[in-house]
Amino acid sequence: SGLGGSFYNLGINSEITSNVIADSNYRYYSGM
């Protein structure tokens, strides 16, 4: 589904932008 998929809409405050989610995942996977 990518970043726009419904998985990222579960339990996430709608005020949080996709950039915040993308940054979090980017940093997580960078650590991995």
PDB file of all heavy atoms in Angstrom:
ATOM      1  N   SER A   1       0.799  -1.230   0.000  1.00  0.00           N
ATOM      2  CA  SER A   1       0.000   0.000   0.000  1.00  0.00           C
ATOM      3  C   SER A   1       0.828   1.274   0.000  1.00  0.00           C
ATOM      4  O   SER A   1       0.339   2.324  -0.395  1.00  0.00           O
ATOM      5  CB  SER A   1      -0.948   0.012   1.196  1.00  0.00           C
ATOM      6  OG  SER A   1      -0.216   0.163   2.398  1.00  0.00           O
ATOM      7  N   GLY A   2       2.078   1.203   0.464  1.00  0.00           N
ATOM      8  CA  GLY A   2       2.899   2.408   0.528  1.00  0.00           C
ATOM      9  C   GLY A   2       2.417   3.343   1.618  1.00  0.00           C
ATOM     10  O   GLY A   2       1.558   3.010   2.443  1.00  0.00           O
ATOM     11  N   LEU A   3       2.970   4.531   1.622  1.00  0.00           N
ATOM     12  CA  LEU A   3       2.660   5.514   2.663  1.00  0.00           C
ATOM     13  C   LEU A   3       1.200   5.956   2.635  1.00  0.00           C
ATOM     14  O   LEU A   3       0.614   6.250   3.665  1.00  0.00           O
ATOM     15  CB  LEU A   3       3.574   6.730   2.513  1.00  0.00           C
ATOM     16  CG  LEU A   3       3.506   7.781   3.602  1.00  0.00           C
ATOM     17  CD1 LEU A   3       3.838   7.182   4.966  1.00  0.00           C
ATOM     18  CD2 LEU A   3       4.447   8.915   3.296  1.00  0.00           C
ATOM     19  N   GLY A   4       0.596   5.971   1.463  1.00  0.00           N
ATOM     20  CA  GLY A   4      -0.788   6.418   1.346  1.00  0.00           C
ATOM     21  C   GLY A   4      -1.811   5.355   1.698  1.00  0.00           C
ATOM     22  O   GLY A   4      -3.003   5.611   1.686  1.00  0.00           O
ATOM     23  N   GLY A   5      -1.370   4.159   2.023  1.00  0.00           N
ATOM     24  CA  GLY A   5      -2.288   3.067   2.295  1.00  0.00           C
ATOM     25  C   GLY A   5      -3.044   3.234   3.595  1.00  0.00           C
ATOM     26  O   GLY A   5      -2.686   4.007   4.473  1.00  0.00           O
ATOM     27  N   SER A   6      -4.110   2.490   3.711  1.00  0.00           N
ATOM     28  CA  SER A   6      -4.977   2.600   4.885  1.00  0.00           C
ATOM     29  C   SER A   6      -4.287   2.142   6.159  1.00  0.00           C
ATOM     30  O   SER A   6      -4.685   2.529   7.253  1.00  0.00           O
ATOM     31  CB  SER A   6      -6.259   1.799   4.670  1.00  0.00           C
ATOM     32  OG  SER A   6      -5.948   0.435   4.476  1.00  0.00           O
ATOM     33  N   PHE A   7      -3.245   1.335   6.054  1.00  0.00           N
ATOM     34  CA  PHE A   7      -2.524   0.868   7.237  1.00  0.00           C
ATOM     35  C   PHE A   7      -2.025   2.052   8.059  1.00  0.00           C
ATOM     36  O   PHE A   7      -2.066   2.037   9.279  1.00  0.00           O
ATOM     37  CB  PHE A   7      -1.357  -0.027   6.811  1.00  0.00           C
ATOM     38  CG  PHE A   7      -0.411  -0.363   7.924  1.00  0.00           C
ATOM     39  CD1 PHE A   7      -0.824  -1.155   8.983  1.00  0.00           C
ATOM     40  CD2 PHE A   7       0.881   0.114   7.927  1.00  0.00           C
ATOM     41  CE1 PHE A   7       0.045  -1.479  10.017  1.00  0.00           C
ATOM     42  CE2 PHE A   7       1.755  -0.200   8.954  1.00  0.00           C
ATOM     43  CZ  PHE A   7       1.333  -0.995  10.001  1.00  0.00           C
ATOM     44  N   TYR A   8      -1.561   3.099   7.409  1.00  0.00           N
ATOM     45  CA  TYR A   8      -1.028   4.256   8.120  1.00  0.00           C
ATOM     46  C   TYR A   8      -2.122   5.163   8.675  1.00  0.00           C
ATOM     47  O   TYR A   8      -1.840   6.080   9.422  1.00  0.00           O
ATOM     48  CB  TYR A   8      -0.075   5.046   7.230  1.00  0.00           C
ATOM     49  CG  TYR A   8       1.255   4.378   7.131  1.00  0.00           C
ATOM     50  CD1 TYR A   8       1.626   3.693   5.986  1.00  0.00           C
ATOM     51  CD2 TYR A   8       2.133   4.386   8.203  1.00  0.00           C
ATOM     52  CE1 TYR A   8       2.844   3.056   5.918  1.00  0.00           C
ATOM     53  CE2 TYR A   8       3.345   3.740   8.136  1.00  0.00           C
ATOM     54  CZ  TYR A   8       3.702   3.085   6.996  1.00  0.00           C
ATOM     55  OH  TYR A   8       4.899   2.445   6.933  1.00  0.00           O
ATOM     56  N   ASN A   9      -3.355   4.906   8.322  1.00  0.00           N
ATOM     57  CA  ASN A   9      -4.456   5.704   8.862  1.00  0.00           C
ATOM     58  C   ASN A   9      -5.030   5.105  10.136  1.00  0.00           C
ATOM     59  O   ASN A   9      -5.884   5.694  10.773  1.00  0.00           O
ATOM     60  CB  ASN A   9      -5.571   5.834   7.819  1.00  0.00           C
ATOM     61  CG  ASN A   9      -5.102   6.604   6.614  1.00  0.00           C
ATOM     62  OD1 ASN A   9      -4.294   7.521   6.727  1.00  0.00           O
ATOM     63  ND2 ASN A   9      -5.586   6.229   5.448  1.00  0.00           N
ATOM     64  N   LEU A  10      -4.559   3.924  10.535  1.00  0.00           N
ATOM     65  CA  LEU A  10      -5.074   3.263  11.724  1.00  0.00           C
ATOM     66  C   LEU A  10      -4.451   3.860  12.981  1.00  0.00           C
ATOM     67  O   LEU A  10      -3.236   3.851  13.146  1.00  0.00           O
ATOM     68  CB  LEU A  10      -4.768   1.758  11.682  1.00  0.00           C
ATOM     69  CG  LEU A  10      -5.354   0.977  10.511  1.00  0.00           C
ATOM     70  CD1 LEU A  10      -4.857  -0.455  10.534  1.00  0.00           C
ATOM     71  CD2 LEU A  10      -6.861   1.015  10.552  1.00  0.00           C
ATOM     72  N   GLY A  11      -5.254   4.369  13.860  1.00  0.00           N
ATOM     73  CA  GLY A  11      -4.776   4.843  15.150  1.00  0.00           C
ATOM     74  C   GLY A  11      -3.845   6.037  15.081  1.00  0.00           C
ATOM     75  O   GLY A  11      -3.114   6.304  16.039  1.00  0.00           O
ATOM     76  N   ILE A  12      -3.839   6.751  13.982  1.00  0.00           N
ATOM     77  CA  ILE A  12      -2.947   7.903  13.847  1.00  0.00           C
ATOM     78  C   ILE A  12      -3.777   9.167  13.813  1.00  0.00           C
ATOM     79  O   ILE A  12      -4.779   9.261  13.106  1.00  0.00           O
ATOM     80  CB  ILE A  12      -2.086   7.783  12.571  1.00  0.00           C
ATOM     81  CG1 ILE A  12      -1.161   6.575  12.688  1.00  0.00           C
ATOM     82  CG2 ILE A  12      -1.288   9.042  12.325  1.00  0.00           C
ATOM     83  CD1 ILE A  12      -0.355   6.294  11.451  1.00  0.00           C
ATOM     84  N   ASN A  13      -3.357  10.131  14.596  1.00  0.00           N
ATOM     85  CA  ASN A  13      -4.018  11.429  14.629  1.00  0.00           C
ATOM     86  C   ASN A  13      -4.015  12.013  13.220  1.00  0.00           C
ATOM     87  O   ASN A  13      -2.977  12.115  12.575  1.00  0.00           O
ATOM     88  CB  ASN A  13      -3.255  12.343  15.602  1.00  0.00           C
ATOM     89  CG  ASN A  13      -3.913  13.684  15.772  1.00  0.00           C
ATOM     90  OD1 ASN A  13      -4.685  14.128  14.933  1.00  0.00           O
ATOM     91  ND2 ASN A  13      -3.604  14.337  16.873  1.00  0.00           N
ATOM     92  N   SER A  14      -5.186  12.422  12.740  1.00  0.00           N
ATOM     93  CA  SER A  14      -5.285  12.923  11.377  1.00  0.00           C
ATOM     94  C   SER A  14      -4.508  14.220  11.174  1.00  0.00           C
ATOM     95  O   SER A  14      -4.251  14.610  10.043  1.00  0.00           O
ATOM     96  CB  SER A  14      -6.754  13.125  10.995  1.00  0.00           C
ATOM     97  OG  SER A  14      -7.342  14.089  11.849  1.00  0.00           O
ATOM     98  N   GLU A  15      -4.121  14.878  12.262  1.00  0.00           N
ATOM     99  CA  GLU A  15      -3.345  16.110  12.131  1.00  0.00           C
ATOM    100  C   GLU A  15      -1.879  15.836  11.826  1.00  0.00           C
ATOM    101  O   GLU A  15      -1.151  16.734  11.421  1.00  0.00           O
ATOM    102  CB  GLU A  15      -3.460  16.941  13.412  1.00  0.00           C
ATOM    103  CG  GLU A  15      -4.865  17.443  13.668  1.00  0.00           C
ATOM    104  CD  GLU A  15      -4.990  18.183  14.995  1.00  0.00           C
ATOM    105  OE1 GLU A  15      -3.955  18.547  15.572  1.00  0.00           O
ATOM    106  OE2 GLU A  15      -6.120  18.375  15.434  1.00  0.00           O
ATOM    107  N   ILE A  16      -1.443  14.585  12.049  1.00  0.00           N
ATOM    108  CA  ILE A  16      -0.056  14.235  11.748  1.00  0.00           C
ATOM    109  C   ILE A  16       0.081  14.092  10.246  1.00  0.00           C
ATOM    110  O   ILE A  16      -0.679  13.384   9.599  1.00  0.00           O
ATOM    111  CB  ILE A  16       0.356  12.925  12.453  1.00  0.00           C
ATOM    112  CG1 ILE A  16       0.315  13.106  13.967  1.00  0.00           C
ATOM    113  CG2 ILE A  16       1.744  12.490  12.008  1.00  0.00           C
ATOM    114  CD1 ILE A  16       0.632  11.848  14.724  1.00  0.00           C
ATOM    115  N   THR A  17       1.050  14.766   9.685  1.00  0.00           N
ATOM    116  CA  THR A  17       1.219  14.718   8.234  1.00  0.00           C
ATOM    117  C   THR A  17       1.948  13.448   7.814  1.00  0.00           C
ATOM    118  O   THR A  17       2.618  12.806   8.615  1.00  0.00           O
ATOM    119  CB  THR A  17       2.038  15.930   7.746  1.00  0.00           C
ATOM    120  OG1 THR A  17       3.363  15.812   8.253  1.00  0.00           O
ATOM    121  CG2 THR A  17       1.422  17.234   8.203  1.00  0.00           C
ATOM    122  N   SER A  18       1.810  13.140   6.549  1.00  0.00           N
ATOM    123  CA  SER A  18       2.500  11.968   6.024  1.00  0.00           C
ATOM    124  C   SER A  18       4.009  12.160   6.077  1.00  0.00           C
ATOM    125  O   SER A  18       4.756  11.185   6.154  1.00  0.00           O
ATOM    126  CB  SER A  18       2.039  11.673   4.597  1.00  0.00           C
ATOM    127  OG  SER A  18       2.324  12.772   3.757  1.00  0.00           O
ATOM    128  N   ASN A  19       4.481  13.422   6.075  1.00  0.00           N
ATOM    129  CA  ASN A  19       5.925  13.658   6.180  1.00  0.00           C
ATOM    130  C   ASN A  19       6.467  13.176   7.520  1.00  0.00           C
ATOM    131  O   ASN A  19       7.585  12.669   7.590  1.00  0.00           O
ATOM    132  CB  ASN A  19       6.250  15.140   5.992  1.00  0.00           C
ATOM    133  CG  ASN A  19       6.104  15.575   4.556  1.00  0.00           C
ATOM    134  OD1 ASN A  19       6.144  14.761   3.639  1.00  0.00           O
ATOM    135  ND2 ASN A  19       5.924  16.864   4.351  1.00  0.00           N
ATOM    136  N   VAL A  20       5.700  13.342   8.592  1.00  0.00           N
ATOM    137  CA  VAL A  20       6.144  12.896   9.912  1.00  0.00           C
ATOM    138  C   VAL A  20       6.238  11.367   9.925  1.00  0.00           C
ATOM    139  O   VAL A  20       7.204  10.795  10.421  1.00  0.00           O
ATOM    140  CB  VAL A  20       5.192  13.407  11.022  1.00  0.00           C
ATOM    141  CG1 VAL A  20       5.551  12.809  12.369  1.00  0.00           C
ATOM    142  CG2 VAL A  20       5.209  14.930  11.074  1.00  0.00           C
ATOM    143  N   ILE A  21       5.237  10.717   9.356  1.00  0.00           N
ATOM    144  CA  ILE A  21       5.229   9.259   9.294  1.00  0.00           C
ATOM    145  C   ILE A  21       6.381   8.774   8.417  1.00  0.00           C
ATOM    146  O   ILE A  21       7.110   7.848   8.781  1.00  0.00           O
ATOM    147  CB  ILE A  21       3.878   8.746   8.768  1.00  0.00           C
ATOM    148  CG1 ILE A  21       2.758   9.120   9.743  1.00  0.00           C
ATOM    149  CG2 ILE A  21       3.912   7.236   8.544  1.00  0.00           C
ATOM    150  CD1 ILE A  21       1.371   8.949   9.174  1.00  0.00           C
ATOM    151  N   ALA A  22       6.549   9.404   7.260  1.00  0.00           N
ATOM    152  CA  ALA A  22       7.633   9.017   6.357  1.00  0.00           C
ATOM    153  C   ALA A  22       8.989   9.223   7.023  1.00  0.00           C
ATOM    154  O   ALA A  22       9.880   8.379   6.906  1.00  0.00           O
ATOM    155  CB  ALA A  22       7.560   9.814   5.058  1.00  0.00           C
ATOM    156  N   ASP A  23       9.164  10.321   7.750  1.00  0.00           N
ATOM    157  CA  ASP A  23      10.435  10.579   8.430  1.00  0.00           C
ATOM    158  C   ASP A  23      10.701   9.524   9.501  1.00  0.00           C
ATOM    159  O   ASP A  23      11.813   9.018   9.619  1.00  0.00           O
ATOM    160  CB  ASP A  23      10.440  11.970   9.058  1.00  0.00           C
ATOM    161  CG  ASP A  23      11.776  12.285   9.707  1.00  0.00           C
ATOM    162  OD1 ASP A  23      12.738  12.563   8.959  1.00  0.00           O
ATOM    163  OD2 ASP A  23      11.868  12.222  10.948  1.00  0.00           O
ATOM    164  N   SER A  24       9.681   9.162  10.249  1.00  0.00           N
ATOM    165  CA  SER A  24       9.832   8.142  11.284  1.00  0.00           C
ATOM    166  C   SER A  24      10.269   6.812  10.673  1.00  0.00           C
ATOM    167  O   SER A  24      11.211   6.166  11.145  1.00  0.00           O
ATOM    168  CB  SER A  24       8.517   7.968  12.042  1.00  0.00           C
ATOM    169  OG  SER A  24       8.599   6.893  12.943  1.00  0.00           O
ATOM    170  N   ASN A  25       9.579   6.400   9.618  1.00  0.00           N
ATOM    171  CA  ASN A  25       9.937   5.138   8.962  1.00  0.00           C
ATOM    172  C   ASN A  25      11.308   5.223   8.308  1.00  0.00           C
ATOM    173  O   ASN A  25      12.081   4.265   8.351  1.00  0.00           O
ATOM    174  CB  ASN A  25       8.882   4.745   7.933  1.00  0.00           C
ATOM    175  CG  ASN A  25       7.732   4.009   8.567  1.00  0.00           C
ATOM    176  OD1 ASN A  25       7.799   3.592   9.718  1.00  0.00           O
ATOM    177  ND2 ASN A  25       6.671   3.842   7.820  1.00  0.00           N
ATOM    178  N   TYR A  26      11.615   6.351   7.701  1.00  0.00           N
ATOM    179  CA  TYR A  26      12.919   6.530   7.055  1.00  0.00           C
ATOM    180  C   TYR A  26      14.041   6.351   8.068  1.00  0.00           C
ATOM    181  O   TYR A  26      15.015   5.654   7.825  1.00  0.00           O
ATOM    182  CB  TYR A  26      12.981   7.913   6.410  1.00  0.00           C
ATOM    183  CG  TYR A  26      14.306   8.212   5.762  1.00  0.00           C
ATOM    184  CD1 TYR A  26      14.602   7.704   4.499  1.00  0.00           C
ATOM    185  CD2 TYR A  26      15.256   8.987   6.401  1.00  0.00           C
ATOM    186  CE1 TYR A  26      15.816   7.968   3.903  1.00  0.00           C
ATOM    187  CE2 TYR A  26      16.478   9.265   5.816  1.00  0.00           C
ATOM    188  CZ  TYR A  26      16.751   8.749   4.557  1.00  0.00           C
ATOM    189  OH  TYR A  26      17.955   9.008   3.968  1.00  0.00           O
ATOM    190  N   ARG A  27      13.901   6.975   9.226  1.00  0.00           N
ATOM    191  CA  ARG A  27      14.934   6.875  10.261  1.00  0.00           C
ATOM    192  C   ARG A  27      14.996   5.453  10.846  1.00  0.00           C
ATOM    193  O   ARG A  27      16.068   4.937  11.138  1.00  0.00           O
ATOM    194  CB  ARG A  27      14.703   7.905  11.345  1.00  0.00           C
ATOM    195  CG  ARG A  27      14.937   9.320  10.844  1.00  0.00           C
ATOM    196  CD  ARG A  27      14.547  10.361  11.886  1.00  0.00           C
ATOM    197  NE  ARG A  27      14.463  11.667  11.305  1.00  0.00           N
ATOM    198  CZ  ARG A  27      15.482  12.518  11.214  1.00  0.00           C
ATOM    199  NH1 ARG A  27      16.671  12.168  11.660  1.00  0.00           N
ATOM    200  NH2 ARG A  27      15.314  13.704  10.676  1.00  0.00           N
ATOM    201  N   TYR A  28      13.846   4.832  11.007  1.00  0.00           N
ATOM    202  CA  TYR A  28      13.811   3.453  11.510  1.00  0.00           C
ATOM    203  C   TYR A  28      14.565   2.522  10.553  1.00  0.00           C
ATOM    204  O   TYR A  28      15.432   1.755  10.961  1.00  0.00           O
ATOM    205  CB  TYR A  28      12.354   2.999  11.666  1.00  0.00           C
ATOM    206  CG  TYR A  28      12.213   1.551  12.058  1.00  0.00           C
ATOM    207  CD1 TYR A  28      12.405   1.148  13.371  1.00  0.00           C
ATOM    208  CD2 TYR A  28      11.905   0.581  11.109  1.00  0.00           C
ATOM    209  CE1 TYR A  28      12.283  -0.194  13.735  1.00  0.00           C
ATOM    210  CE2 TYR A  28      11.776  -0.748  11.460  1.00  0.00           C
ATOM    211  CZ  TYR A  28      11.965  -1.127  12.780  1.00  0.00           C
ATOM    212  OH  TYR A  28      11.855  -2.441  13.128  1.00  0.00           O
ATOM    213  N   TYR A  29      14.214   2.596   9.287  1.00  0.00           N
ATOM    214  CA  TYR A  29      14.866   1.714   8.319  1.00  0.00           C
ATOM    215  C   TYR A  29      16.324   2.086   8.086  1.00  0.00           C
ATOM    216  O   TYR A  29      17.130   1.224   7.738  1.00  0.00           O
ATOM    217  CB  TYR A  29      14.068   1.658   7.014  1.00  0.00           C
ATOM    218  CG  TYR A  29      12.756   0.944   7.228  1.00  0.00           C
ATOM    219  CD1 TYR A  29      11.546   1.600   7.089  1.00  0.00           C
ATOM    220  CD2 TYR A  29      12.736  -0.391   7.626  1.00  0.00           C
ATOM    221  CE1 TYR A  29      10.347   0.946   7.332  1.00  0.00           C
ATOM    222  CE2 TYR A  29      11.552  -1.049   7.869  1.00  0.00           C
ATOM    223  CZ  TYR A  29      10.360  -0.379   7.712  1.00  0.00           C
ATOM    224  OH  TYR A  29       9.187  -1.029   7.960  1.00  0.00           O
ATOM    225  N   SER A  30      16.670   3.343   8.283  1.00  0.00           N
ATOM    226  CA  SER A  30      18.080   3.731   8.217  1.00  0.00           C
ATOM    227  C   SER A  30      18.864   3.052   9.334  1.00  0.00           C
ATOM    228  O   SER A  30      19.986   2.581   9.113  1.00  0.00           O
ATOM    229  CB  SER A  30      18.230   5.249   8.313  1.00  0.00           C
ATOM    230  OG  SER A  30      17.677   5.863   7.177  1.00  0.00           O
ATOM    231  N   GLY A  31      18.282   2.991  10.513  1.00  0.00           N
ATOM    232  CA  GLY A  31      18.919   2.273  11.620  1.00  0.00           C
ATOM    233  C   GLY A  31      19.062   0.794  11.321  1.00  0.00           C
ATOM    234  O   GLY A  31      20.102   0.187  11.600  1.00  0.00           O
ATOM    235  N   MET A  32      18.046   0.206  10.722  1.00  0.00           N
ATOM    236  CA  MET A  32      18.127  -1.207  10.351  1.00  0.00           C
ATOM    237  C   MET A  32      19.181  -1.413   9.263  1.00  0.00           C
ATOM    238  O   MET A  32      19.883  -2.421   9.248  1.00  0.00           O
ATOM    239  CB  MET A  32      16.762  -1.718   9.891  1.00  0.00           C
ATOM    240  CG  MET A  32      15.757  -1.754  11.031  1.00  0.00           C
ATOM    241  SD  MET A  32      14.204  -2.479  10.551  1.00  0.00           S
ATOM    242  CE  MET A  32      14.649  -4.194  10.446  1.00  0.00           C
TER     243      MET A  32
END
